[in-house]
């Protein structure tokens, strides 16, 4: 009885079920399903690797573009700073020349006295003084400065409402890290006058005595 119970089932034809055509068809279908699943799995892995590769390449391109953009912006900013320094140097040079001419005019007038016509003397003096720090010079300087220093003047005015135009010019020149002598030449004033303006500026913006004014402005 036990041998008969453990024997595999047979078809009516006397063949065991796992050797029938239907069984082989099932085997084939299962094998095909396994192969197809493996192929699909490999395709999914390849697609995933491809997506990962494409994403990595895209990130590299974005990083490169970002670096190139920053490099271009840095070069543009440096060019603007160079233009600003050239503008400041040009103003200082022109003011030195005009100051020399004014001094020579005064010497000539003092030497010649009435022989040097007062009308001509006054006209020459007026023309020379007008050439020093003209409105167009100030406008051009502010344009170059704002381009190079990211609207520093606008932000400074917004915070310090009672700041004067003269104070702002001192701020700009100090932020460029120019010496007191260079600033005096650009503004056509004495070194002592620049030092007094720096002192008044510290008071106006309420800067602590232990804080360096130039460092404060450069980091503003």
N, C-alpha and C. Protein backbone atom coordinates (compact mmCIF):
# COMPACT_ATOMS: atom_id res chain seq x y z
N UNK A 1 0.83 -1.20 0.00
CA UNK A 1 0.00 0.00 0.00
C UNK A 1 0.85 1.24 0.00
N UNK A 2 1.92 1.28 0.76
CA UNK A 2 2.79 2.46 0.82
C UNK A 2 3.45 2.73 -0.51
N UNK A 3 3.92 1.70 -1.23
CA UNK A 3 4.58 1.86 -2.53
C UNK A 3 3.62 2.43 -3.53
N UNK A 4 2.38 1.96 -3.46
CA UNK A 4 1.38 2.50 -4.38
C UNK A 4 1.05 3.94 -4.05
N UNK A 5 1.07 4.35 -2.76
CA UNK A 5 0.75 5.74 -2.38
C UNK A 5 1.83 6.70 -2.81
N UNK A 6 3.12 6.26 -2.82
CA UNK A 6 4.23 7.16 -3.14
C UNK A 6 4.50 7.22 -4.62
N UNK A 7 3.96 6.40 -5.43
CA UNK A 7 4.21 6.40 -6.87
C UNK A 7 3.65 7.66 -7.50
N UNK A 8 4.37 8.26 -8.46
CA UNK A 8 3.89 9.48 -9.12
C UNK A 8 2.64 9.20 -9.90
N UNK A 9 1.81 10.23 -10.01
CA UNK A 9 0.58 10.04 -10.78
C UNK A 9 0.91 9.79 -12.23
N UNK A 10 0.09 9.02 -12.87
CA UNK A 10 0.29 8.71 -14.28
C UNK A 10 -0.92 9.14 -15.07
N UNK A 11 -0.65 9.43 -16.34
CA UNK A 11 -1.75 9.79 -17.25
C UNK A 11 -2.51 8.52 -17.64
N UNK A 12 -3.65 8.70 -18.24
CA UNK A 12 -4.41 7.52 -18.69
C UNK A 12 -3.62 6.65 -19.63
N UNK A 13 -2.65 7.27 -20.34
CA UNK A 13 -1.84 6.51 -21.30
C UNK A 13 -0.76 5.71 -20.61
N UNK A 14 -0.60 5.90 -19.31
CA UNK A 14 0.40 5.18 -18.55
C UNK A 14 1.72 5.92 -18.40
N UNK A 15 1.82 7.16 -18.86
CA UNK A 15 3.05 7.96 -18.76
C UNK A 15 2.94 8.86 -17.55
N UNK A 16 4.05 8.99 -16.76
CA UNK A 16 4.01 9.89 -15.60
C UNK A 16 3.83 11.32 -16.06
N UNK A 17 3.23 12.17 -15.21
CA UNK A 17 2.81 13.53 -15.64
C UNK A 17 3.96 14.42 -16.03
N UNK A 18 5.15 14.31 -15.34
CA UNK A 18 6.23 15.25 -15.66
C UNK A 18 6.97 14.88 -16.94
N UNK A 19 6.55 13.80 -17.59
CA UNK A 19 7.13 13.45 -18.87
C UNK A 19 6.16 13.67 -20.02
N UNK A 20 5.05 14.28 -19.73
CA UNK A 20 4.07 14.52 -20.76
C UNK A 20 4.43 15.74 -21.59
N UNK A 21 3.80 15.88 -22.74
CA UNK A 21 4.04 17.05 -23.61
C UNK A 21 3.64 18.32 -22.90
N UNK A 22 2.52 18.27 -22.18
CA UNK A 22 2.07 19.46 -21.45
C UNK A 22 3.10 19.90 -20.41
N UNK A 23 3.72 18.92 -19.75
CA UNK A 23 4.73 19.25 -18.75
C UNK A 23 5.94 19.92 -19.39
N UNK A 24 6.34 19.35 -20.56
CA UNK A 24 7.48 19.95 -21.25
C UNK A 24 7.17 21.36 -21.75
N UNK A 25 5.94 21.57 -22.13
CA UNK A 25 5.52 22.92 -22.53
C UNK A 25 5.62 23.88 -21.34
N UNK A 26 5.18 23.38 -20.18
CA UNK A 26 5.27 24.20 -18.96
C UNK A 26 6.72 24.49 -18.62
N UNK A 27 7.58 23.42 -18.76
CA UNK A 27 9.01 23.63 -18.50
C UNK A 27 9.58 24.70 -19.42
N UNK A 28 9.19 24.59 -20.68
CA UNK A 28 9.71 25.56 -21.67
C UNK A 28 9.25 26.98 -21.35
N UNK A 29 7.95 27.07 -20.97
CA UNK A 29 7.42 28.39 -20.62
C UNK A 29 8.11 28.97 -19.39
N UNK A 30 8.34 28.06 -18.37
CA UNK A 30 9.03 28.52 -17.17
C UNK A 30 10.47 28.98 -17.50
N UNK A 31 11.15 28.17 -18.34
CA UNK A 31 12.51 28.52 -18.73
C UNK A 31 12.53 29.85 -19.49
N UNK A 32 11.55 29.99 -20.40
CA UNK A 32 11.46 31.24 -21.16
C UNK A 32 11.18 32.43 -20.23
N UNK A 33 10.31 32.19 -19.25
CA UNK A 33 9.99 33.25 -18.29
C UNK A 33 11.23 33.63 -17.48
N UNK A 34 12.01 32.62 -17.06
CA UNK A 34 13.23 32.88 -16.29
C UNK A 34 14.24 33.66 -17.13
N UNK A 35 14.40 33.19 -18.39
CA UNK A 35 15.35 33.87 -19.29
C UNK A 35 14.90 35.30 -19.54
N UNK A 36 13.57 35.44 -19.82
CA UNK A 36 13.03 36.77 -20.10
C UNK A 36 13.18 37.69 -18.89
N UNK A 37 12.94 37.14 -17.68
CA UNK A 37 13.10 37.93 -16.45
C UNK A 37 14.55 38.36 -16.28
N UNK A 38 15.47 37.44 -16.59
CA UNK A 38 16.89 37.78 -16.48
C UNK A 38 17.28 38.87 -17.46
N UNK A 39 16.76 38.74 -18.69
CA UNK A 39 17.06 39.77 -19.70
C UNK A 39 16.51 41.13 -19.26
N UNK A 40 15.27 41.11 -18.78
CA UNK A 40 14.66 42.36 -18.31
C UNK A 40 15.44 42.96 -17.14
N UNK A 41 15.89 42.08 -16.25
CA UNK A 41 16.68 42.54 -15.11
C UNK A 41 17.98 43.19 -15.57
N UNK A 42 18.64 42.55 -16.56
CA UNK A 42 19.87 43.10 -17.10
C UNK A 42 19.61 44.45 -17.80
N UNK A 43 18.49 44.53 -18.53
CA UNK A 43 18.13 45.77 -19.20
C UNK A 43 17.89 46.89 -18.19
N UNK A 44 17.18 46.54 -17.10
CA UNK A 44 16.91 47.54 -16.05
C UNK A 44 18.22 48.01 -15.41
N UNK A 45 19.14 47.07 -15.16
CA UNK A 45 20.43 47.44 -14.57
C UNK A 45 21.22 48.35 -15.51
N UNK A 46 21.21 47.98 -16.82
CA UNK A 46 21.92 48.80 -17.79
C UNK A 46 21.31 50.21 -17.87
N UNK A 47 19.98 50.25 -17.87
CA UNK A 47 19.31 51.55 -17.92
C UNK A 47 19.63 52.38 -16.67
N UNK A 48 19.66 51.70 -15.52
CA UNK A 48 19.98 52.39 -14.27
C UNK A 48 21.40 52.93 -14.30
N UNK A 49 22.34 52.06 -14.78
CA UNK A 49 23.73 52.52 -14.89
C UNK A 49 23.85 53.67 -15.88
N UNK A 50 23.08 53.56 -16.98
CA UNK A 50 23.10 54.62 -17.99
C UNK A 50 22.57 55.93 -17.42
N UNK A 51 21.46 55.81 -16.67
CA UNK A 51 20.90 57.02 -16.04
C UNK A 51 21.89 57.63 -15.06
N UNK A 52 22.53 56.75 -14.27
CA UNK A 52 23.53 57.23 -13.31
C UNK A 52 24.69 57.91 -14.02
N UNK A 53 25.13 57.30 -15.14
CA UNK A 53 26.24 57.89 -15.91
C UNK A 53 25.84 59.23 -16.50
N UNK A 54 24.61 59.26 -17.08
CA UNK A 54 24.13 60.52 -17.66
C UNK A 54 23.97 61.60 -16.60
N UNK A 55 23.44 61.21 -15.43
CA UNK A 55 23.28 62.18 -14.35
C UNK A 55 24.63 62.69 -13.86
N UNK A 56 25.60 61.80 -13.76
CA UNK A 56 26.94 62.20 -13.33
C UNK A 56 27.57 63.14 -14.36
N UNK A 57 27.42 62.79 -15.66
CA UNK A 57 27.96 63.65 -16.72
C UNK A 57 27.26 65.01 -16.72
N UNK A 58 25.94 64.99 -16.48
CA UNK A 58 25.19 66.25 -16.43
C UNK A 58 25.66 67.11 -15.27
N UNK A 59 25.89 66.48 -14.11
CA UNK A 59 26.38 67.22 -12.94
C UNK A 59 27.77 67.80 -13.21
N UNK A 60 28.60 67.02 -13.91
CA UNK A 60 29.94 67.52 -14.25
C UNK A 60 29.83 68.73 -15.18
N UNK A 61 28.93 68.64 -16.16
CA UNK A 61 28.75 69.76 -17.09
C UNK A 61 28.23 70.99 -16.35
N UNK A 62 27.25 70.77 -15.46
CA UNK A 62 26.71 71.89 -14.70
C UNK A 62 27.79 72.53 -13.82
N UNK A 63 28.62 71.68 -13.21
CA UNK A 63 29.71 72.19 -12.38
C UNK A 63 30.69 72.99 -13.21
N UNK A 64 31.01 72.46 -14.41
CA UNK A 64 31.94 73.15 -15.30
C UNK A 64 31.37 74.48 -15.76
N UNK A 65 30.09 74.48 -16.11
CA UNK A 65 29.43 75.72 -16.53
C UNK A 65 29.43 76.74 -15.40
N UNK A 66 29.14 76.25 -14.19
CA UNK A 66 29.13 77.12 -13.01
C UNK A 66 30.51 77.71 -12.77
N UNK A 67 31.54 76.87 -12.90
CA UNK A 67 32.91 77.35 -12.69
C UNK A 67 33.30 78.37 -13.75
N UNK A 68 32.92 78.09 -15.02
CA UNK A 68 33.22 79.03 -16.10
C UNK A 68 32.49 80.34 -15.91
N UNK A 69 31.22 80.26 -15.45
CA UNK A 69 30.45 81.48 -15.21
C UNK A 69 31.09 82.31 -14.09
N UNK A 70 31.48 81.62 -13.02
CA UNK A 70 32.14 82.33 -11.92
C UNK A 70 33.47 82.94 -12.36
N UNK A 71 34.19 82.20 -13.20
CA UNK A 71 35.47 82.70 -13.70
C UNK A 71 35.27 83.95 -14.56
N UNK A 72 34.23 83.90 -15.40
CA UNK A 72 33.93 85.06 -16.25
C UNK A 72 33.51 86.26 -15.41
N UNK A 73 32.68 86.01 -14.38
CA UNK A 73 32.25 87.08 -13.50
C UNK A 73 33.43 87.67 -12.73
N UNK A 74 34.34 86.79 -12.31
CA UNK A 74 35.52 87.25 -11.59
C UNK A 74 36.41 88.10 -12.48
N UNK A 75 36.57 87.66 -13.74
CA UNK A 75 37.37 88.45 -14.68
C UNK A 75 36.71 89.79 -14.98
N UNK A 76 35.38 89.76 -15.14
CA UNK A 76 34.65 91.00 -15.41
C UNK A 76 34.78 91.96 -14.23
N UNK A 77 34.66 91.40 -13.01
CA UNK A 77 34.79 92.24 -11.82
C UNK A 77 36.20 92.82 -11.72
N UNK A 78 37.20 91.99 -12.02
CA UNK A 78 38.58 92.46 -11.97
C UNK A 78 38.82 93.55 -13.01
N UNK A 79 38.23 93.38 -14.20
CA UNK A 79 38.36 94.41 -15.24
C UNK A 79 37.74 95.72 -14.79
N UNK A 80 36.59 95.62 -14.11
CA UNK A 80 35.93 96.83 -13.61
C UNK A 80 36.77 97.50 -12.53
N UNK A 81 37.40 96.68 -11.68
CA UNK A 81 38.27 97.25 -10.65
C UNK A 81 39.47 97.92 -11.28
N UNK A 82 40.01 97.29 -12.35
CA UNK A 82 41.14 97.91 -13.05
C UNK A 82 40.73 99.24 -13.68
N UNK A 83 39.53 99.27 -14.27
CA UNK A 83 39.02 100.52 -14.86
C UNK A 83 38.85 101.59 -13.79
N UNK A 84 38.38 101.16 -12.62
CA UNK A 84 38.20 102.11 -11.52
C UNK A 84 39.55 102.68 -11.07
N UNK A 85 40.55 101.82 -10.95
CA UNK A 85 41.87 102.29 -10.56
C UNK A 85 42.45 103.22 -11.60
N UNK A 86 42.22 102.92 -12.87
CA UNK A 86 42.68 103.80 -13.95
C UNK A 86 41.97 105.14 -13.90
N UNK A 87 40.67 105.10 -13.60
CA UNK A 87 39.90 106.34 -13.47
C UNK A 87 40.44 107.18 -12.32
N UNK A 88 40.68 106.55 -11.19
CA UNK A 88 41.21 107.27 -10.03
C UNK A 88 42.60 107.83 -10.32
N UNK A 89 43.44 107.01 -10.97
CA UNK A 89 44.79 107.48 -11.31
C UNK A 89 44.73 108.65 -12.29
N UNK A 90 43.80 108.57 -13.24
CA UNK A 90 43.65 109.65 -14.22
C UNK A 90 43.21 110.95 -13.54
N UNK A 91 42.26 110.84 -12.60
CA UNK A 91 41.80 112.02 -11.86
C UNK A 91 42.94 112.62 -11.04
N UNK A 92 43.70 111.74 -10.38
CA UNK A 92 44.82 112.23 -9.56
C UNK A 92 45.87 112.92 -10.42
N UNK A 93 46.18 112.32 -11.57
CA UNK A 93 47.19 112.90 -12.46
C UNK A 93 46.73 114.26 -13.01
N UNK A 94 45.46 114.31 -13.42
CA UNK A 94 44.94 115.57 -13.95
C UNK A 94 44.93 116.65 -12.87
N UNK A 95 44.55 116.28 -11.66
CA UNK A 95 44.52 117.27 -10.58
C UNK A 95 45.92 117.76 -10.22
N UNK A 96 46.90 116.86 -10.26
CA UNK A 96 48.27 117.29 -9.98
C UNK A 96 48.76 118.29 -11.03
N UNK A 97 48.42 118.00 -12.29
CA UNK A 97 48.83 118.91 -13.38
C UNK A 97 48.16 120.27 -13.21
N UNK A 98 46.83 120.23 -12.94
CA UNK A 98 46.11 121.50 -12.81
C UNK A 98 46.58 122.27 -11.58
N UNK A 99 46.92 121.57 -10.52
CA UNK A 99 47.44 122.25 -9.33
C UNK A 99 48.77 122.91 -9.63
N UNK A 100 49.61 122.23 -10.39
CA UNK A 100 50.91 122.81 -10.79
C UNK A 100 50.70 124.04 -11.65
N UNK A 101 49.75 123.97 -12.57
CA UNK A 101 49.45 125.11 -13.44
C UNK A 101 48.91 126.29 -12.64
N UNK A 102 48.05 125.97 -11.67
CA UNK A 102 47.51 127.04 -10.82
C UNK A 102 48.62 127.71 -10.01
N UNK A 103 49.51 126.92 -9.49
CA UNK A 103 50.64 127.48 -8.74
C UNK A 103 51.52 128.34 -9.63
N UNK A 104 51.74 127.87 -10.86
CA UNK A 104 52.53 128.67 -11.81
C UNK A 104 51.81 129.96 -12.17
N UNK A 105 50.49 129.88 -12.32
CA UNK A 105 49.70 131.08 -12.62
C UNK A 105 49.83 132.10 -11.49
N UNK A 106 49.77 131.61 -10.25
CA UNK A 106 49.90 132.51 -9.11
C UNK A 106 51.28 133.16 -9.07
N UNK A 107 52.31 132.37 -9.39
CA UNK A 107 53.68 132.92 -9.40
C UNK A 107 53.82 134.00 -10.48
N UNK A 108 53.25 133.73 -11.64
CA UNK A 108 53.34 134.71 -12.71
C UNK A 108 52.61 136.01 -12.34
N UNK A 109 51.43 135.84 -11.74
CA UNK A 109 50.67 137.02 -11.35
C UNK A 109 51.43 137.81 -10.29
N UNK A 110 52.03 137.08 -9.34
CA UNK A 110 52.78 137.75 -8.27
C UNK A 110 54.02 138.45 -8.84
N UNK A 111 54.67 137.84 -9.82
CA UNK A 111 55.88 138.41 -10.41
C UNK A 111 55.57 139.60 -11.31
N UNK A 112 54.55 139.45 -12.17
CA UNK A 112 54.23 140.49 -13.14
C UNK A 112 53.33 141.58 -12.58
N UNK A 113 52.59 141.25 -11.56
CA UNK A 113 51.70 142.24 -10.95
C UNK A 113 50.68 142.76 -11.95
N UNK A 114 50.61 144.10 -12.09
CA UNK A 114 49.62 144.70 -12.99
C UNK A 114 49.93 144.44 -14.46
N UNK A 115 51.16 144.03 -14.76
CA UNK A 115 51.49 143.72 -16.15
C UNK A 115 50.73 142.49 -16.65
N UNK A 116 50.31 141.67 -15.69
CA UNK A 116 49.49 140.49 -16.04
C UNK A 116 48.03 140.92 -15.86
N UNK A 117 47.29 141.06 -16.94
CA UNK A 117 45.91 141.59 -16.85
C UNK A 117 45.04 140.78 -15.89
N UNK A 118 44.36 141.52 -15.02
CA UNK A 118 43.49 140.85 -14.03
C UNK A 118 42.41 140.01 -14.70
N UNK A 119 41.87 140.53 -15.78
CA UNK A 119 40.79 139.82 -16.48
C UNK A 119 41.30 138.48 -17.01
N UNK A 120 42.49 138.46 -17.60
CA UNK A 120 43.07 137.22 -18.11
C UNK A 120 43.42 136.26 -16.97
N UNK A 121 43.95 136.85 -15.89
CA UNK A 121 44.32 136.04 -14.73
C UNK A 121 43.10 135.33 -14.14
N UNK A 122 42.02 136.09 -13.95
CA UNK A 122 40.81 135.52 -13.36
C UNK A 122 40.19 134.46 -14.27
N UNK A 123 40.24 134.73 -15.59
CA UNK A 123 39.67 133.77 -16.54
C UNK A 123 40.46 132.46 -16.50
N UNK A 124 41.77 132.57 -16.51
CA UNK A 124 42.62 131.38 -16.48
C UNK A 124 42.43 130.60 -15.20
N UNK A 125 42.35 131.32 -14.09
CA UNK A 125 42.17 130.66 -12.80
C UNK A 125 40.82 129.95 -12.73
N UNK A 126 39.78 130.61 -13.22
CA UNK A 126 38.44 130.01 -13.20
C UNK A 126 38.39 128.74 -14.03
N UNK A 127 38.99 128.78 -15.20
CA UNK A 127 39.00 127.61 -16.09
C UNK A 127 39.75 126.44 -15.44
N UNK A 128 40.87 126.74 -14.82
CA UNK A 128 41.66 125.68 -14.18
C UNK A 128 40.92 125.08 -13.00
N UNK A 129 40.28 125.92 -12.20
CA UNK A 129 39.55 125.42 -11.03
C UNK A 129 38.35 124.57 -11.45
N UNK A 130 37.70 124.94 -12.56
CA UNK A 130 36.57 124.16 -13.05
C UNK A 130 37.01 122.78 -13.54
N UNK A 131 38.24 122.71 -14.01
CA UNK A 131 38.76 121.43 -14.51
C UNK A 131 39.02 120.44 -13.39
N UNK A 132 39.23 120.96 -12.18
CA UNK A 132 39.48 120.09 -11.03
C UNK A 132 38.17 119.46 -10.56
N UNK A 133 38.12 118.10 -10.60
CA UNK A 133 36.96 117.37 -10.07
C UNK A 133 35.64 117.89 -10.62
N UNK A 134 35.49 117.83 -11.93
CA UNK A 134 34.24 118.25 -12.55
C UNK A 134 33.12 117.27 -12.24
N UNK A 135 31.89 117.69 -12.52
CA UNK A 135 30.73 116.82 -12.29
C UNK A 135 30.84 115.54 -13.12
N UNK A 136 31.33 115.66 -14.34
CA UNK A 136 31.47 114.47 -15.19
C UNK A 136 32.47 113.50 -14.59
N UNK A 137 33.53 114.04 -13.97
CA UNK A 137 34.50 113.17 -13.30
C UNK A 137 33.85 112.40 -12.17
N UNK A 138 33.07 113.11 -11.36
CA UNK A 138 32.42 112.46 -10.21
C UNK A 138 31.42 111.41 -10.66
N UNK A 139 30.65 111.75 -11.73
CA UNK A 139 29.67 110.79 -12.25
C UNK A 139 30.35 109.54 -12.79
N UNK A 140 31.42 109.73 -13.55
CA UNK A 140 32.15 108.59 -14.10
C UNK A 140 32.76 107.74 -13.00
N UNK A 141 33.30 108.41 -11.99
CA UNK A 141 33.91 107.69 -10.88
C UNK A 141 32.86 106.83 -10.16
N UNK A 142 31.69 107.41 -9.86
CA UNK A 142 30.64 106.66 -9.17
C UNK A 142 30.19 105.47 -10.02
N UNK A 143 30.12 105.67 -11.34
CA UNK A 143 29.70 104.58 -12.23
C UNK A 143 30.69 103.43 -12.15
N UNK A 144 31.97 103.73 -12.28
CA UNK A 144 33.01 102.70 -12.22
C UNK A 144 33.03 102.04 -10.84
N UNK A 145 32.86 102.85 -9.81
CA UNK A 145 32.92 102.29 -8.45
C UNK A 145 31.76 101.35 -8.19
N UNK A 146 30.55 101.77 -8.56
CA UNK A 146 29.39 100.91 -8.34
C UNK A 146 29.49 99.62 -9.13
N UNK A 147 30.04 99.68 -10.34
CA UNK A 147 30.20 98.48 -11.15
C UNK A 147 31.19 97.51 -10.51
N UNK A 148 32.24 98.06 -9.94
CA UNK A 148 33.30 97.21 -9.37
C UNK A 148 33.00 96.77 -7.94
N UNK A 149 32.18 97.53 -7.22
CA UNK A 149 31.97 97.25 -5.80
C UNK A 149 30.50 97.00 -5.44
N UNK A 150 29.75 96.52 -6.44
CA UNK A 150 28.40 96.00 -6.20
C UNK A 150 27.50 96.97 -5.43
N UNK A 151 27.32 98.10 -6.00
CA UNK A 151 26.39 99.10 -5.45
C UNK A 151 26.69 99.47 -4.00
N UNK A 152 27.95 99.60 -3.70
CA UNK A 152 28.36 99.96 -2.33
C UNK A 152 27.74 101.30 -1.91
N UNK A 153 27.78 102.28 -2.81
CA UNK A 153 27.27 103.62 -2.48
C UNK A 153 25.79 103.55 -2.11
N UNK A 154 25.01 102.81 -2.90
CA UNK A 154 23.57 102.71 -2.63
C UNK A 154 23.31 102.08 -1.27
N UNK A 155 24.00 100.97 -0.99
CA UNK A 155 23.80 100.28 0.29
C UNK A 155 24.25 101.14 1.46
N UNK A 156 25.35 101.87 1.27
CA UNK A 156 25.87 102.70 2.35
C UNK A 156 24.91 103.86 2.63
N UNK A 157 24.34 104.43 1.58
CA UNK A 157 23.38 105.53 1.77
C UNK A 157 22.12 105.05 2.48
N UNK A 158 21.70 103.83 2.15
CA UNK A 158 20.49 103.29 2.77
C UNK A 158 20.67 103.09 4.26
N UNK A 159 21.86 102.70 4.69
CA UNK A 159 22.11 102.46 6.11
C UNK A 159 22.41 103.75 6.86
N UNK A 160 23.18 104.64 6.23
CA UNK A 160 23.57 105.90 6.87
C UNK A 160 22.90 107.06 6.12
N UNK A 161 21.70 107.39 6.58
CA UNK A 161 20.85 108.34 5.86
C UNK A 161 21.45 109.74 5.78
N UNK A 162 22.21 110.15 6.79
CA UNK A 162 22.72 111.52 6.82
C UNK A 162 24.13 111.63 6.23
N UNK A 163 24.58 110.61 5.52
CA UNK A 163 25.91 110.64 4.93
C UNK A 163 25.94 111.68 3.80
N UNK A 164 27.02 112.42 3.68
CA UNK A 164 27.15 113.45 2.65
C UNK A 164 27.86 112.90 1.42
N UNK A 165 27.76 113.63 0.30
CA UNK A 165 28.45 113.21 -0.92
C UNK A 165 29.95 113.19 -0.72
N UNK A 166 30.46 114.19 0.04
CA UNK A 166 31.89 114.23 0.33
C UNK A 166 32.34 113.04 1.15
N UNK A 167 31.52 112.66 2.14
CA UNK A 167 31.84 111.48 2.96
C UNK A 167 31.85 110.22 2.10
N UNK A 168 30.91 110.14 1.17
CA UNK A 168 30.83 108.96 0.32
C UNK A 168 32.06 108.84 -0.58
N UNK A 169 32.55 109.96 -1.07
CA UNK A 169 33.74 109.90 -1.91
C UNK A 169 34.94 109.41 -1.10
N UNK A 170 35.04 109.89 0.13
CA UNK A 170 36.12 109.40 1.00
C UNK A 170 35.96 107.90 1.24
N UNK A 171 34.73 107.46 1.47
CA UNK A 171 34.46 106.03 1.68
C UNK A 171 34.91 105.21 0.48
N UNK A 172 34.55 105.68 -0.71
CA UNK A 172 34.90 104.95 -1.92
C UNK A 172 36.41 104.85 -2.10
N UNK A 173 37.09 105.96 -1.90
CA UNK A 173 38.54 105.98 -2.09
C UNK A 173 39.25 105.14 -1.04
N UNK A 174 38.75 105.17 0.18
CA UNK A 174 39.33 104.35 1.24
C UNK A 174 39.08 102.87 0.96
N UNK A 175 37.90 102.56 0.44
CA UNK A 175 37.57 101.16 0.14
C UNK A 175 38.47 100.61 -0.97
N UNK A 176 39.00 101.50 -1.80
CA UNK A 176 39.95 101.09 -2.83
C UNK A 176 41.35 100.92 -2.25
N UNK A 177 41.47 101.17 -0.94
CA UNK A 177 42.75 101.01 -0.24
C UNK A 177 43.82 101.98 -0.76
N UNK A 178 43.38 103.18 -1.13
CA UNK A 178 44.31 104.22 -1.56
C UNK A 178 44.91 104.90 -0.34
N UNK A 179 46.11 105.40 -0.50
CA UNK A 179 46.77 106.09 0.61
C UNK A 179 46.16 107.48 0.80
N UNK A 180 46.44 108.06 1.97
CA UNK A 180 45.94 109.41 2.26
C UNK A 180 46.47 110.41 1.24
N UNK A 181 47.73 110.26 0.85
CA UNK A 181 48.33 111.17 -0.13
C UNK A 181 47.65 111.04 -1.49
N UNK A 182 47.35 109.81 -1.90
CA UNK A 182 46.65 109.60 -3.18
C UNK A 182 45.26 110.20 -3.15
N UNK A 183 44.57 110.02 -2.03
CA UNK A 183 43.22 110.58 -1.90
C UNK A 183 43.27 112.10 -1.93
N UNK A 184 44.25 112.68 -1.26
CA UNK A 184 44.40 114.13 -1.26
C UNK A 184 44.61 114.65 -2.67
N UNK A 185 45.39 113.94 -3.47
CA UNK A 185 45.64 114.36 -4.84
C UNK A 185 44.39 114.27 -5.69
N UNK A 186 43.60 113.20 -5.51
CA UNK A 186 42.36 113.03 -6.28
C UNK A 186 41.35 114.10 -5.92
N UNK A 187 41.21 114.41 -4.63
CA UNK A 187 40.21 115.38 -4.18
C UNK A 187 40.72 116.82 -4.23
N UNK A 188 42.00 116.97 -4.55
CA UNK A 188 42.61 118.30 -4.61
C UNK A 188 42.48 119.02 -3.26
N UNK A 189 42.86 118.31 -2.21
CA UNK A 189 42.88 118.88 -0.86
C UNK A 189 44.20 118.48 -0.21
N UNK A 190 44.44 119.01 0.97
CA UNK A 190 45.67 118.67 1.69
C UNK A 190 45.53 117.31 2.39
N UNK A 191 46.67 116.75 2.73
CA UNK A 191 46.67 115.49 3.47
C UNK A 191 45.96 115.67 4.81
N UNK A 192 46.19 116.81 5.44
CA UNK A 192 45.54 117.12 6.71
C UNK A 192 44.03 117.14 6.55
N UNK A 193 43.54 117.69 5.43
CA UNK A 193 42.10 117.75 5.19
C UNK A 193 41.52 116.34 5.07
N UNK A 194 42.24 115.44 4.41
CA UNK A 194 41.78 114.07 4.28
C UNK A 194 41.71 113.40 5.65
N UNK A 195 42.71 113.63 6.48
CA UNK A 195 42.72 113.05 7.82
C UNK A 195 41.54 113.55 8.64
N UNK A 196 41.21 114.83 8.52
CA UNK A 196 40.05 115.39 9.23
C UNK A 196 38.75 114.77 8.73
N UNK A 197 38.66 114.57 7.41
CA UNK A 197 37.45 113.95 6.85
C UNK A 197 37.30 112.51 7.33
N UNK A 198 38.42 111.82 7.43
CA UNK A 198 38.36 110.45 7.95
C UNK A 198 37.88 110.44 9.39
N UNK A 199 38.33 111.38 10.18
CA UNK A 199 37.92 111.47 11.58
C UNK A 199 36.42 111.76 11.68
N UNK A 200 35.95 112.73 10.86
CA UNK A 200 34.52 113.07 10.88
C UNK A 200 33.67 111.90 10.39
N UNK A 201 34.19 111.17 9.42
CA UNK A 201 33.46 110.02 8.89
C UNK A 201 33.28 108.95 9.96
N UNK A 202 34.31 108.68 10.73
CA UNK A 202 34.22 107.70 11.81
C UNK A 202 33.12 108.10 12.80
N UNK A 203 33.08 109.39 13.12
CA UNK A 203 32.06 109.89 14.06
C UNK A 203 30.67 109.76 13.46
N UNK A 204 30.55 110.07 12.17
CA UNK A 204 29.24 110.06 11.53
C UNK A 204 28.63 108.67 11.47
N UNK A 205 29.45 107.66 11.23
CA UNK A 205 28.92 106.29 11.13
C UNK A 205 29.01 105.54 12.46
N UNK A 206 29.51 106.22 13.50
CA UNK A 206 29.55 105.61 14.83
C UNK A 206 30.49 104.44 14.93
N UNK A 207 31.68 104.55 14.32
CA UNK A 207 32.63 103.45 14.32
C UNK A 207 33.44 103.44 15.62
N UNK A 208 33.58 102.26 16.20
CA UNK A 208 34.35 102.13 17.44
C UNK A 208 35.82 102.48 17.21
N UNK A 209 36.46 102.98 18.25
CA UNK A 209 37.85 103.44 18.12
C UNK A 209 38.83 102.31 17.81
N UNK A 210 38.48 101.09 18.20
CA UNK A 210 39.39 99.97 17.96
C UNK A 210 39.14 99.28 16.61
N UNK A 211 38.22 99.82 15.81
CA UNK A 211 37.91 99.26 14.50
C UNK A 211 38.60 100.07 13.41
N UNK A 212 39.34 99.39 12.56
CA UNK A 212 40.04 100.06 11.46
C UNK A 212 39.03 100.50 10.40
N UNK A 213 39.07 101.77 10.04
CA UNK A 213 38.09 102.32 9.10
C UNK A 213 38.20 101.67 7.73
N UNK A 214 39.41 101.50 7.22
CA UNK A 214 39.60 100.92 5.89
C UNK A 214 39.12 99.46 5.87
N UNK A 215 39.47 98.70 6.91
CA UNK A 215 39.03 97.30 6.99
C UNK A 215 37.50 97.22 7.03
N UNK A 216 36.89 98.14 7.77
CA UNK A 216 35.43 98.16 7.88
C UNK A 216 34.79 98.41 6.51
N UNK A 217 35.32 99.40 5.78
CA UNK A 217 34.75 99.75 4.48
C UNK A 217 35.01 98.66 3.44
N UNK A 218 36.19 98.05 3.48
CA UNK A 218 36.48 96.98 2.52
C UNK A 218 35.64 95.73 2.76
N UNK A 219 35.24 95.54 4.00
CA UNK A 219 34.42 94.37 4.31
C UNK A 219 32.95 94.64 4.36
N UNK A 220 32.55 95.88 4.06
CA UNK A 220 31.14 96.26 4.17
C UNK A 220 30.31 95.60 3.07
